[in-house]
């Protein structure tokens, strides 16, 4: 009995499914609407011979990966950022993409992505919603702050802003529209704050403070909730071969190609985990409370723009956090990291 290899090119409403043989020739292929019963039915004829099915690692693929596993298939998660294109083809389409997925599996050259445990995904996604709320709150705060700066030539902090009553706002702004704009923004911020508290309460109730989180909390700028965020996004720290791989995944290194000390191009700067990038950016901001780190930041700002200086601090914290998570005996030394 010959071995067969499956591939699925997943889209938002449909999937192109195919099966090839040991010589890389088509056995069957067709487009199927995104319904797990229809997709598993397509592969059921070849189930006993299938070595596995390759699915691209995309944001909308959990239902497909989980459904195939539950149906008894071996699922391979292809790393889209490393697999490249089907070389030699001028005309590429869903059919050729599907065959290329199965072909890489057949040849043993398929770059695989990490399969995040199904049971841990809901909590990770809940923490991602918290990040979304915080980002939305920050945008609204900045917008109201810009309104105060433009109309009143004054700055106002979050605490002071939330304490303003409607009467006080009407005294500050002569135009009724500006009052409504500020008042509505303040009410939304209060609502977001309430929802963030609800999320954090659920996290504290359900997530135990692991050894990794304890280690992370020894580092500047990382508190309990941020440590949990990082730990949940990582899954397993051992999947990163080195701190360079980890920083790349955190999107804290420049995506550039250098040869003979000359830049030859740039890679995909958006490849990686945007949640971890945000987490370490938050840690960098929190770390500025420490005098040594604050002084280091001020020195950097004399040579680089403020966002770049903050990114360098975030990168340093991420690098040392990798070592702390890998080695339980690791001891953080601020004077060595921020000289």
C-alpha atoms as a PDB file:
ATOM      1  CA  UNK A   1       0.000   0.000   0.000  1.00  0.00           C
ATOM      2  CA  UNK A   2       1.531   3.297  -1.123  1.00  0.00           C
ATOM      3  CA  UNK A   3       1.778   6.331   1.137  1.00  0.00           C
ATOM      4  CA  UNK A   4      -0.224   9.450   0.325  1.00  0.00           C
ATOM      5  CA  UNK A   5       0.196  13.057   1.412  1.00  0.00           C
ATOM      6  CA  UNK A   6      -2.520  15.680   1.912  1.00  0.00           C
ATOM      7  CA  UNK A   7      -2.511  19.452   1.693  1.00  0.00           C
ATOM      8  CA  UNK A   8      -5.070  22.192   2.340  1.00  0.00           C
ATOM      9  CA  UNK A   9      -4.857  25.795   1.135  1.00  0.00           C
ATOM     10  CA  UNK A  10      -7.206  27.520   3.588  1.00  0.00           C
ATOM     11  CA  UNK A  11      -9.203  30.663   2.762  1.00  0.00           C
ATOM     12  CA  UNK A  12     -11.921  32.583   4.584  1.00  0.00           C
ATOM     13  CA  UNK A  13     -14.891  30.821   2.939  1.00  0.00           C
ATOM     14  CA  UNK A  14     -13.392  27.763   1.244  1.00  0.00           C
ATOM     15  CA  UNK A  15     -10.388  25.458   1.172  1.00  0.00           C
ATOM     16  CA  UNK A  16      -8.530  23.861  -1.712  1.00  0.00           C
ATOM     17  CA  UNK A  17      -7.862  20.252  -0.696  1.00  0.00           C
ATOM     18  CA  UNK A  18      -5.587  17.756  -2.431  1.00  0.00           C
ATOM     19  CA  UNK A  19      -3.822  14.417  -2.108  1.00  0.00           C
ATOM     20  CA  UNK A  20      -0.603  13.342  -3.889  1.00  0.00           C
ATOM     21  CA  UNK A  21       1.163   9.988  -4.105  1.00  0.00           C
ATOM     22  CA  UNK A  22       4.760   8.928  -3.371  1.00  0.00           C
ATOM     23  CA  UNK A  23       5.900  10.295  -6.750  1.00  0.00           C
ATOM     24  CA  UNK A  24       4.293  13.678  -6.185  1.00  0.00           C
ATOM     25  CA  UNK A  25       1.453  13.071  -8.651  1.00  0.00           C
ATOM     26  CA  UNK A  26      -2.118  14.161  -8.015  1.00  0.00           C
ATOM     27  CA  UNK A  27      -4.515  11.560  -6.700  1.00  0.00           C
ATOM     28  CA  UNK A  28      -7.398  13.945  -6.116  1.00  0.00           C
ATOM     29  CA  UNK A  29      -7.965  17.656  -5.615  1.00  0.00           C
ATOM     30  CA  UNK A  30     -10.866  20.105  -5.497  1.00  0.00           C
ATOM     31  CA  UNK A  31     -12.222  23.219  -3.803  1.00  0.00           C
ATOM     32  CA  UNK A  32     -14.507  22.653  -0.806  1.00  0.00           C
ATOM     33  CA  UNK A  33     -16.503  25.137   1.242  1.00  0.00           C
ATOM     34  CA  UNK A  34     -15.306  25.589   4.814  1.00  0.00           C
ATOM     35  CA  UNK A  35     -17.253  22.834   6.486  1.00  0.00           C
ATOM     36  CA  UNK A  36     -15.321  20.268   8.544  1.00  0.00           C
ATOM     37  CA  UNK A  37     -17.691  17.419   7.636  1.00  0.00           C
ATOM     38  CA  UNK A  38     -17.251  18.017   3.898  1.00  0.00           C
ATOM     39  CA  UNK A  39     -13.478  18.334   4.207  1.00  0.00           C
ATOM     40  CA  UNK A  40     -13.065  15.150   6.283  1.00  0.00           C
ATOM     41  CA  UNK A  41     -15.370  13.354   3.844  1.00  0.00           C
ATOM     42  CA  UNK A  42     -13.027  14.304   0.978  1.00  0.00           C
ATOM     43  CA  UNK A  43     -10.019  12.790   2.765  1.00  0.00           C
ATOM     44  CA  UNK A  44     -11.888   9.760   4.167  1.00  0.00           C
ATOM     45  CA  UNK A  45     -11.329   7.713   0.985  1.00  0.00           C
ATOM     46  CA  UNK A  46      -7.548   7.929   1.517  1.00  0.00           C
ATOM     47  CA  UNK A  47      -7.458   7.914   5.334  1.00  0.00           C
ATOM     48  CA  UNK A  48      -5.624   4.578   5.734  1.00  0.00           C
ATOM     49  CA  UNK A  49      -2.865   5.619   3.328  1.00  0.00           C
ATOM     50  CA  UNK A  50      -2.448   9.254   4.399  1.00  0.00           C
ATOM     51  CA  UNK A  51       0.815  10.016   6.222  1.00  0.00           C
ATOM     52  CA  UNK A  52      -0.801  13.279   7.274  1.00  0.00           C
ATOM     53  CA  UNK A  53      -2.391  16.522   6.084  1.00  0.00           C
ATOM     54  CA  UNK A  54      -0.557  19.841   5.900  1.00  0.00           C
ATOM     55  CA  UNK A  55      -2.460  22.983   6.905  1.00  0.00           C
ATOM     56  CA  UNK A  56      -0.952  26.455   6.719  1.00  0.00           C
ATOM     57  CA  UNK A  57      -0.506  28.219  10.058  1.00  0.00           C
ATOM     58  CA  UNK A  58      -3.075  31.006   9.735  1.00  0.00           C
ATOM     59  CA  UNK A  59      -5.160  32.982  12.241  1.00  0.00           C
ATOM     60  CA  UNK A  60      -8.410  31.335  11.080  1.00  0.00           C
ATOM     61  CA  UNK A  61      -7.283  27.696  11.024  1.00  0.00           C
ATOM     62  CA  UNK A  62      -7.976  26.364  14.528  1.00  0.00           C
ATOM     63  CA  UNK A  63     -11.365  24.900  13.631  1.00  0.00           C
ATOM     64  CA  UNK A  64      -9.797  23.019  10.703  1.00  0.00           C
ATOM     65  CA  UNK A  65      -6.764  21.729  12.601  1.00  0.00           C
ATOM     66  CA  UNK A  66      -8.834  20.613  15.591  1.00  0.00           C
ATOM     67  CA  UNK A  67     -11.525  19.060  13.405  1.00  0.00           C
ATOM     68  CA  UNK A  68      -9.027  16.996  11.428  1.00  0.00           C
ATOM     69  CA  UNK A  69      -7.352  15.788  14.625  1.00  0.00           C
ATOM     70  CA  UNK A  70     -10.669  14.770  16.136  1.00  0.00           C
ATOM     71  CA  UNK A  71     -11.440  12.851  12.938  1.00  0.00           C
ATOM     72  CA  UNK A  72      -8.239  10.836  13.438  1.00  0.00           C
ATOM     73  CA  UNK A  73      -5.881  12.502  10.958  1.00  0.00           C
ATOM     74  CA  UNK A  74      -2.254  13.483  11.578  1.00  0.00           C
ATOM     75  CA  UNK A  75      -2.068  17.247  11.068  1.00  0.00           C
ATOM     76  CA  UNK A  76       1.092  19.126  10.120  1.00  0.00           C
ATOM     77  CA  UNK A  77       1.081  22.883  10.657  1.00  0.00           C
ATOM     78  CA  UNK A  78       3.148  24.562   7.938  1.00  0.00           C
ATOM     79  CA  UNK A  79       5.169  27.666   8.797  1.00  0.00           C
ATOM     80  CA  UNK A  80       4.174  30.099   6.037  1.00  0.00           C
ATOM     81  CA  UNK A  81       7.052  32.501   6.728  1.00  0.00           C
ATOM     82  CA  UNK A  82       9.678  29.802   6.041  1.00  0.00           C
ATOM     83  CA  UNK A  83       8.231  27.584   3.341  1.00  0.00           C
ATOM     84  CA  UNK A  84       8.639  29.921   0.372  1.00  0.00           C
ATOM     85  CA  UNK A  85       6.903  29.477  -2.982  1.00  0.00           C
ATOM     86  CA  UNK A  86       6.705  26.585  -5.410  1.00  0.00           C
ATOM     87  CA  UNK A  87       9.963  27.271  -7.312  1.00  0.00           C
ATOM     88  CA  UNK A  88       9.910  27.291 -11.107  1.00  0.00           C
ATOM     89  CA  UNK A  89       6.242  28.140 -11.568  1.00  0.00           C
ATOM     90  CA  UNK A  90       5.217  31.354 -13.311  1.00  0.00           C
ATOM     91  CA  UNK A  91       1.517  30.758 -12.713  1.00  0.00           C
ATOM     92  CA  UNK A  92       0.712  30.085  -9.080  1.00  0.00           C
ATOM     93  CA  UNK A  93      -2.770  29.466  -7.764  1.00  0.00           C
ATOM     94  CA  UNK A  94      -4.628  27.596  -5.022  1.00  0.00           C
ATOM     95  CA  UNK A  95      -4.077  24.285  -6.783  1.00  0.00           C
ATOM     96  CA  UNK A  96      -0.294  24.693  -7.007  1.00  0.00           C
ATOM     97  CA  UNK A  97      -0.126  26.046  -3.442  1.00  0.00           C
ATOM     98  CA  UNK A  98      -1.958  22.984  -2.132  1.00  0.00           C
ATOM     99  CA  UNK A  99       0.345  20.645  -4.032  1.00  0.00           C
ATOM    100  CA  UNK A 100       3.408  22.482  -2.723  1.00  0.00           C
ATOM    101  CA  UNK A 101       2.249  21.959   0.873  1.00  0.00           C
ATOM    102  CA  UNK A 102       1.822  18.228   0.303  1.00  0.00           C
ATOM    103  CA  UNK A 103       5.048  18.056  -1.724  1.00  0.00           C
ATOM    104  CA  UNK A 104       7.175  19.582   1.048  1.00  0.00           C
ATOM    105  CA  UNK A 105       5.715  17.017   3.436  1.00  0.00           C
ATOM    106  CA  UNK A 106       6.507  14.214   0.981  1.00  0.00           C
ATOM    107  CA  UNK A 107      10.114  15.400   0.540  1.00  0.00           C
ATOM    108  CA  UNK A 108      10.664  15.873   4.279  1.00  0.00           C
ATOM    109  CA  UNK A 109      11.422  19.590   3.959  1.00  0.00           C
ATOM    110  CA  UNK A 110       8.242  21.008   5.507  1.00  0.00           C
ATOM    111  CA  UNK A 111       9.016  23.810   8.025  1.00  0.00           C
ATOM    112  CA  UNK A 112       6.513  23.295  10.837  1.00  0.00           C
ATOM    113  CA  UNK A 113       4.929  25.775  13.215  1.00  0.00           C
ATOM    114  CA  UNK A 114       4.315  25.303  16.913  1.00  0.00           C
ATOM    115  CA  UNK A 115       0.920  23.772  17.723  1.00  0.00           C
ATOM    116  CA  UNK A 116      -0.409  25.745  20.659  1.00  0.00           C
ATOM    117  CA  UNK A 117      -2.307  23.436  23.071  1.00  0.00           C
ATOM    118  CA  UNK A 118      -6.060  23.630  22.491  1.00  0.00           C
ATOM    119  CA  UNK A 119      -6.922  23.684  26.200  1.00  0.00           C
ATOM    120  CA  UNK A 120      -4.752  26.781  26.826  1.00  0.00           C
ATOM    121  CA  UNK A 121      -5.948  28.849  23.871  1.00  0.00           C
ATOM    122  CA  UNK A 122      -9.077  30.341  25.534  1.00  0.00           C
ATOM    123  CA  UNK A 123      -7.074  31.889  28.385  1.00  0.00           C
ATOM    124  CA  UNK A 124      -4.432  33.191  25.979  1.00  0.00           C
ATOM    125  CA  UNK A 125      -7.167  34.739  23.822  1.00  0.00           C
ATOM    126  CA  UNK A 126      -8.761  36.309  26.903  1.00  0.00           C
ATOM    127  CA  UNK A 127      -5.435  37.955  27.707  1.00  0.00           C
ATOM    128  CA  UNK A 128      -5.249  39.188  24.123  1.00  0.00           C
ATOM    129  CA  UNK A 129      -8.620  40.869  24.590  1.00  0.00           C
ATOM    130  CA  UNK A 130      -7.169  42.623  27.636  1.00  0.00           C
ATOM    131  CA  UNK A 131      -4.365  43.954  25.451  1.00  0.00           C
ATOM    132  CA  UNK A 132      -6.925  45.109  22.880  1.00  0.00           C
ATOM    133  CA  UNK A 133      -8.839  46.988  25.579  1.00  0.00           C
ATOM    134  CA  UNK A 134      -5.661  48.644  26.882  1.00  0.00           C
ATOM    135  CA  UNK A 135      -4.658  49.770  23.391  1.00  0.00           C
ATOM    136  CA  UNK A 136      -8.139  51.184  22.771  1.00  0.00           C
ATOM    137  CA  UNK A 137      -8.037  53.025  26.110  1.00  0.00           C
ATOM    138  CA  UNK A 138      -4.636  54.506  25.275  1.00  0.00           C
ATOM    139  CA  UNK A 139      -5.854  55.771  21.892  1.00  0.00           C
ATOM    140  CA  UNK A 140      -8.888  57.439  23.476  1.00  0.00           C
ATOM    141  CA  UNK A 141      -6.751  58.988  26.239  1.00  0.00           C
ATOM    142  CA  UNK A 142      -4.327  60.369  23.651  1.00  0.00           C
ATOM    143  CA  UNK A 143      -7.208  61.738  21.607  1.00  0.00           C
ATOM    144  CA  UNK A 144      -8.704  63.575  24.584  1.00  0.00           C
ATOM    145  CA  UNK A 145      -5.245  64.754  25.595  1.00  0.00           C
ATOM    146  CA  UNK A 146      -4.741  66.204  22.113  1.00  0.00           C
ATOM    147  CA  UNK A 147      -8.101  67.977  22.442  1.00  0.00           C
ATOM    148  CA  UNK A 148      -7.027  69.614  25.701  1.00  0.00           C
ATOM    149  CA  UNK A 149      -3.668  70.572  24.171  1.00  0.00           C
ATOM    150  CA  UNK A 150      -5.206  72.020  21.007  1.00  0.00           C
ATOM    151  CA  UNK A 151      -8.101  73.884  22.626  1.00  0.00           C
ATOM    152  CA  UNK A 152      -6.757  74.832  26.054  1.00  0.00           C
ATOM    153  CA  UNK A 153      -2.985  74.574  25.619  1.00  0.00           C
ATOM    154  CA  UNK A 154      -2.749  72.342  28.663  1.00  0.00           C
ATOM    155  CA  UNK A 155      -1.874  68.750  29.508  1.00  0.00           C
ATOM    156  CA  UNK A 156      -4.060  66.522  31.652  1.00  0.00           C
ATOM    157  CA  UNK A 157      -3.355  63.147  33.276  1.00  0.00           C
ATOM    158  CA  UNK A 158      -5.669  60.138  33.231  1.00  0.00           C
ATOM    159  CA  UNK A 159      -6.607  60.355  36.921  1.00  0.00           C
ATOM    160  CA  UNK A 160      -7.408  64.048  36.710  1.00  0.00           C
ATOM    161  CA  UNK A 161      -9.366  63.504  33.508  1.00  0.00           C
ATOM    162  CA  UNK A 162     -11.574  60.765  34.958  1.00  0.00           C
ATOM    163  CA  UNK A 163     -12.419  62.928  37.958  1.00  0.00           C
ATOM    164  CA  UNK A 164     -13.829  65.756  35.811  1.00  0.00           C
ATOM    165  CA  UNK A 165     -17.593  66.168  36.028  1.00  0.00           C
ATOM    166  CA  UNK A 166     -19.812  67.268  33.149  1.00  0.00           C
ATOM    167  CA  UNK A 167     -20.179  70.717  34.748  1.00  0.00           C
ATOM    168  CA  UNK A 168     -16.401  71.132  34.968  1.00  0.00           C
ATOM    169  CA  UNK A 169     -16.028  70.129  31.319  1.00  0.00           C
ATOM    170  CA  UNK A 170     -18.597  72.720  30.246  1.00  0.00           C
ATOM    171  CA  UNK A 171     -16.637  75.332  32.186  1.00  0.00           C
ATOM    172  CA  UNK A 172     -13.427  74.345  30.432  1.00  0.00           C
ATOM    173  CA  UNK A 173     -14.782  74.196  26.866  1.00  0.00           C
ATOM    174  CA  UNK A 174     -16.998  76.927  25.473  1.00  0.00           C
ATOM    175  CA  UNK A 175     -18.178  74.785  22.568  1.00  0.00           C
ATOM    176  CA  UNK A 176     -20.796  72.158  23.441  1.00  0.00           C
ATOM    177  CA  UNK A 177     -19.444  69.732  20.821  1.00  0.00           C
ATOM    178  CA  UNK A 178     -16.031  69.659  22.474  1.00  0.00           C
ATOM    179  CA  UNK A 179     -17.647  68.921  25.833  1.00  0.00           C
ATOM    180  CA  UNK A 180     -19.583  66.008  24.352  1.00  0.00           C
ATOM    181  CA  UNK A 181     -16.449  64.682  22.646  1.00  0.00           C
ATOM    182  CA  UNK A 182     -14.474  64.719  25.902  1.00  0.00           C
ATOM    183  CA  UNK A 183     -17.347  63.409  28.031  1.00  0.00           C
ATOM    184  CA  UNK A 184     -18.081  60.457  25.730  1.00  0.00           C
ATOM    185  CA  UNK A 185     -14.409  59.518  25.641  1.00  0.00           C
ATOM    186  CA  UNK A 186     -14.183  59.624  29.454  1.00  0.00           C
ATOM    187  CA  UNK A 187     -17.233  57.346  29.807  1.00  0.00           C
ATOM    188  CA  UNK A 188     -15.755  54.839  27.353  1.00  0.00           C
ATOM    189  CA  UNK A 189     -12.473  54.814  29.289  1.00  0.00           C
ATOM    190  CA  UNK A 190     -14.347  54.092  32.514  1.00  0.00           C
ATOM    191  CA  UNK A 191     -16.194  51.213  30.831  1.00  0.00           C
ATOM    192  CA  UNK A 192     -12.945  49.791  29.455  1.00  0.00           C
ATOM    193  CA  UNK A 193     -11.341  50.000  32.905  1.00  0.00           C
ATOM    194  CA  UNK A 194     -14.231  47.990  34.351  1.00  0.00           C
ATOM    195  CA  UNK A 195     -13.884  45.290  31.700  1.00  0.00           C
ATOM    196  CA  UNK A 196     -10.114  45.086  32.214  1.00  0.00           C
ATOM    197  CA  UNK A 197     -10.701  44.480  35.935  1.00  0.00           C
ATOM    198  CA  UNK A 198     -13.164  41.688  35.111  1.00  0.00           C
ATOM    199  CA  UNK A 199     -10.656  40.020  32.768  1.00  0.00           C
ATOM    200  CA  UNK A 200      -7.816  40.289  35.277  1.00  0.00           C
ATOM    201  CA  UNK A 201      -9.979  38.836  38.044  1.00  0.00           C
ATOM    202  CA  UNK A 202     -10.783  35.793  35.871  1.00  0.00           C
ATOM    203  CA  UNK A 203      -7.112  35.359  34.986  1.00  0.00           C
ATOM    204  CA  UNK A 204      -6.041  35.427  38.644  1.00  0.00           C
ATOM    205  CA  UNK A 205      -8.757  32.904  39.519  1.00  0.00           C
ATOM    206  CA  UNK A 206      -7.816  30.408  36.797  1.00  0.00           C
ATOM    207  CA  UNK A 207      -4.088  30.797  36.106  1.00  0.00           C
ATOM    208  CA  UNK A 208      -1.547  29.690  38.659  1.00  0.00           C
ATOM    209  CA  UNK A 209       1.646  31.669  39.017  1.00  0.00           C
ATOM    210  CA  UNK A 210       4.081  29.244  37.401  1.00  0.00           C
ATOM    211  CA  UNK A 211       7.826  29.091  38.008  1.00  0.00           C
ATOM    212  CA  UNK A 212       8.352  30.938  34.712  1.00  0.00           C
ATOM    213  CA  UNK A 213       6.113  33.805  35.819  1.00  0.00           C
ATOM    214  CA  UNK A 214       7.974  33.985  39.154  1.00  0.00           C
ATOM    215  CA  UNK A 215      11.249  34.261  37.222  1.00  0.00           C
ATOM    216  CA  UNK A 216       9.844  36.918  34.909  1.00  0.00           C
ATOM    217  CA  UNK A 217       8.692  39.042  37.840  1.00  0.00           C
ATOM    218  CA  UNK A 218      12.301  39.451  38.985  1.00  0.00           C
ATOM    219  CA  UNK A 219      12.923  41.534  35.845  1.00  0.00           C
ATOM    220  CA  UNK A 220      12.287  45.288  35.562  1.00  0.00           C
ATOM    221  CA  UNK A 221       8.860  46.361  34.334  1.00  0.00           C
ATOM    222  CA  UNK A 222       7.272  42.894  34.429  1.00  0.00           C
ATOM    223  CA  UNK A 223       4.488  42.483  36.970  1.00  0.00           C
ATOM    224  CA  UNK A 224       2.284  39.461  37.600  1.00  0.00           C
ATOM    225  CA  UNK A 225      -0.272  40.097  34.829  1.00  0.00           C
ATOM    226  CA  UNK A 226       2.415  40.945  32.263  1.00  0.00           C
ATOM    227  CA  UNK A 227       4.404  37.856  33.243  1.00  0.00           C
ATOM    228  CA  UNK A 228       1.303  35.714  32.717  1.00  0.00           C
ATOM    229  CA  UNK A 229       0.731  37.362  29.338  1.00  0.00           C
ATOM    230  CA  UNK A 230       4.266  36.516  28.199  1.00  0.00           C
ATOM    231  CA  UNK A 231       4.094  32.948  29.522  1.00  0.00           C
ATOM    232  CA  UNK A 232       0.752  32.289  27.791  1.00  0.00           C
ATOM    233  CA  UNK A 233       1.966  33.675  24.475  1.00  0.00           C
ATOM    234  CA  UNK A 234       5.140  31.565  24.534  1.00  0.00           C
ATOM    235  CA  UNK A 235       3.573  28.206  25.320  1.00  0.00           C
ATOM    236  CA  UNK A 236       6.865  26.295  25.549  1.00  0.00           C
ATOM    237  CA  UNK A 237      10.122  28.231  25.829  1.00  0.00           C
ATOM    238  CA  UNK A 238      12.120  25.222  24.610  1.00  0.00           C
ATOM    239  CA  UNK A 239      10.771  25.709  21.097  1.00  0.00           C
ATOM    240  CA  UNK A 240      13.203  28.628  20.704  1.00  0.00           C
ATOM    241  CA  UNK A 241      16.739  27.464  19.942  1.00  0.00           C
ATOM    242  CA  UNK A 242      18.405  30.665  21.156  1.00  0.00           C
ATOM    243  CA  UNK A 243      17.740  34.167  22.442  1.00  0.00           C
ATOM    244  CA  UNK A 244      18.151  35.446  18.853  1.00  0.00           C
ATOM    245  CA  UNK A 245      15.311  33.206  17.689  1.00  0.00           C
ATOM    246  CA  UNK A 246      13.209  34.374  20.633  1.00  0.00           C
ATOM    247  CA  UNK A 247      13.825  38.081  19.962  1.00  0.00           C
ATOM    248  CA  UNK A 248      12.982  37.539  16.309  1.00  0.00           C
ATOM    249  CA  UNK A 249       9.690  35.916  17.308  1.00  0.00           C
ATOM    250  CA  UNK A 250       8.998  38.879  19.598  1.00  0.00           C
ATOM    251  CA  UNK A 251       9.551  41.227  16.631  1.00  0.00           C
ATOM    252  CA  UNK A 252      12.339  43.011  18.511  1.00  0.00           C
ATOM    253  CA  UNK A 253      15.051  42.736  15.861  1.00  0.00           C
ATOM    254  CA  UNK A 254      15.315  44.484  12.516  1.00  0.00           C
ATOM    255  CA  UNK A 255      14.307  42.371   9.523  1.00  0.00           C
ATOM    256  CA  UNK A 256      17.298  43.119   7.326  1.00  0.00           C
ATOM    257  CA  UNK A 257      19.744  41.091   5.243  1.00  0.00           C
ATOM    258  CA  UNK A 258      23.419  42.079   5.332  1.00  0.00           C
ATOM    259  CA  UNK A 259      26.220  40.697   3.160  1.00  0.00           C
ATOM    260  CA  UNK A 260      29.807  41.975   3.073  1.00  0.00           C
ATOM    261  CA  UNK A 261      28.762  44.667   5.582  1.00  0.00           C
ATOM    262  CA  UNK A 262      26.171  46.016   3.142  1.00  0.00           C
ATOM    263  CA  UNK A 263      22.404  45.876   3.399  1.00  0.00           C
ATOM    264  CA  UNK A 264      21.027  43.617   0.668  1.00  0.00           C
ATOM    265  CA  UNK A 265      17.363  43.868   1.536  1.00  0.00           C
ATOM    266  CA  UNK A 266      14.744  43.566   4.216  1.00  0.00           C
ATOM    267  CA  UNK A 267      12.637  40.650   5.388  1.00  0.00           C
ATOM    268  CA  UNK A 268       9.090  40.534   6.693  1.00  0.00           C
ATOM    269  CA  UNK A 269       9.127  42.898   9.673  1.00  0.00           C
ATOM    270  CA  UNK A 270       5.613  41.818  10.668  1.00  0.00           C
ATOM    271  CA  UNK A 271       6.595  38.175  11.038  1.00  0.00           C
ATOM    272  CA  UNK A 272       6.377  37.126  14.679  1.00  0.00           C
ATOM    273  CA  UNK A 273       4.163  37.664  17.698  1.00  0.00           C
ATOM    274  CA  UNK A 274       2.789  41.188  17.999  1.00  0.00           C
ATOM    275  CA  UNK A 275       1.418  40.405  21.487  1.00  0.00           C
ATOM    276  CA  UNK A 276       4.905  39.715  22.841  1.00  0.00           C
ATOM    277  CA  UNK A 277       6.223  42.866  21.209  1.00  0.00           C
ATOM    278  CA  UNK A 278       3.498  44.830  22.996  1.00  0.00           C
ATOM    279  CA  UNK A 279       4.205  43.077  26.320  1.00  0.00           C
ATOM    280  CA  UNK A 280       7.901  43.927  26.248  1.00  0.00           C
ATOM    281  CA  UNK A 281       7.125  47.507  25.174  1.00  0.00           C
ATOM    282  CA  UNK A 282       4.933  47.787  28.284  1.00  0.00           C
ATOM    283  CA  UNK A 283       7.751  46.285  30.366  1.00  0.00           C
ATOM    284  CA  UNK A 284      10.195  48.842  28.960  1.00  0.00           C
ATOM    285  CA  UNK A 285       7.895  51.715  29.930  1.00  0.00           C
ATOM    286  CA  UNK A 286       7.484  50.276  33.427  1.00  0.00           C
ATOM    287  CA  UNK A 287      11.245  49.776  33.732  1.00  0.00           C
ATOM    288  CA  UNK A 288      11.821  53.529  33.417  1.00  0.00           C
ATOM    289  CA  UNK A 289      10.849  53.802  37.089  1.00  0.00           C
ATOM    290  CA  UNK A 290      14.300  52.447  37.951  1.00  0.00           C
ATOM    291  CA  UNK A 291      16.926  55.256  38.139  1.00  0.00           C
ATOM    292  CA  UNK A 292      19.700  53.316  36.362  1.00  0.00           C
ATOM    293  CA  UNK A 293      17.410  52.312  33.484  1.00  0.00           C
ATOM    294  CA  UNK A 294      15.969  55.823  33.262  1.00  0.00           C
ATOM    295  CA  UNK A 295      19.495  57.260  32.998  1.00  0.00           C
ATOM    296  CA  UNK A 296      20.351  54.675  30.321  1.00  0.00           C
ATOM    297  CA  UNK A 297      17.220  55.676  28.395  1.00  0.00           C
ATOM    298  CA  UNK A 298      18.105  59.382  28.576  1.00  0.00           C
ATOM    299  CA  UNK A 299      21.590  58.644  27.180  1.00  0.00           C
ATOM    300  CA  UNK A 300      20.076  56.660  24.321  1.00  0.00           C
ATOM    301  CA  UNK A 301      17.688  59.498  23.447  1.00  0.00           C
ATOM    302  CA  UNK A 302      20.630  61.779  22.740  1.00  0.00           C
ATOM    303  CA  UNK A 303      21.644  59.480  19.873  1.00  0.00           C
ATOM    304  CA  UNK A 304      18.354  57.899  18.773  1.00  0.00           C
ATOM    305  CA  UNK A 305      14.638  58.782  18.580  1.00  0.00           C
ATOM    306  CA  UNK A 306      12.658  58.062  21.757  1.00  0.00           C
ATOM    307  CA  UNK A 307      10.699  55.108  20.263  1.00  0.00           C
ATOM    308  CA  UNK A 308      13.963  53.491  19.121  1.00  0.00           C
ATOM    309  CA  UNK A 309      15.532  54.000  22.552  1.00  0.00           C
ATOM    310  CA  UNK A 310      12.508  52.379  24.193  1.00  0.00           C
ATOM    311  CA  UNK A 311      12.673  49.483  21.716  1.00  0.00           C
ATOM    312  CA  UNK A 312      16.310  48.850  22.687  1.00  0.00           C
ATOM    313  CA  UNK A 313      15.310  48.603  26.361  1.00  0.00           C
ATOM    314  CA  UNK A 314      12.438  46.257  25.430  1.00  0.00           C
ATOM    315  CA  UNK A 315      14.883  44.092  23.478  1.00  0.00           C
ATOM    316  CA  UNK A 316      17.255  43.904  26.441  1.00  0.00           C
ATOM    317  CA  UNK A 317      14.449  42.867  28.783  1.00  0.00           C
ATOM    318  CA  UNK A 318      13.255  40.254  26.287  1.00  0.00           C
ATOM    319  CA  UNK A 319      16.751  38.805  25.896  1.00  0.00           C
ATOM    320  CA  UNK A 320      17.328  38.504  29.636  1.00  0.00           C
ATOM    321  CA  UNK A 321      13.807  37.119  30.141  1.00  0.00           C
ATOM    322  CA  UNK A 322      14.605  34.311  27.702  1.00  0.00           C
ATOM    323  CA  UNK A 323      17.619  33.370  29.805  1.00  0.00           C
ATOM    324  CA  UNK A 324      15.569  33.590  32.999  1.00  0.00           C
ATOM    325  CA  UNK A 325      12.891  31.292  31.588  1.00  0.00           C
ATOM    326  CA  UNK A 326      15.452  28.780  30.326  1.00  0.00           C
ATOM    327  CA  UNK A 327      17.500  28.683  33.527  1.00  0.00           C
ATOM    328  CA  UNK A 328      15.776  28.636  36.919  1.00  0.00           C
ATOM    329  CA  UNK A 329      19.093  29.591  38.579  1.00  0.00           C
ATOM    330  CA  UNK A 330      19.557  32.671  36.405  1.00  0.00           C
ATOM    331  CA  UNK A 331      20.230  35.828  38.405  1.00  0.00           C
ATOM    332  CA  UNK A 332      19.326  39.187  36.873  1.00  0.00           C
ATOM    333  CA  UNK A 333      21.950  41.909  37.348  1.00  0.00           C
ATOM    334  CA  UNK A 334      20.734  45.365  36.430  1.00  0.00           C
ATOM    335  CA  UNK A 335      24.195  46.959  36.507  1.00  0.00           C
ATOM    336  CA  UNK A 336      25.428  44.558  33.813  1.00  0.00           C
ATOM    337  CA  UNK A 337      22.384  44.880  31.529  1.00  0.00           C
ATOM    338  CA  UNK A 338      22.112  48.664  31.671  1.00  0.00           C
ATOM    339  CA  UNK A 339      25.616  50.064  31.849  1.00  0.00           C
END
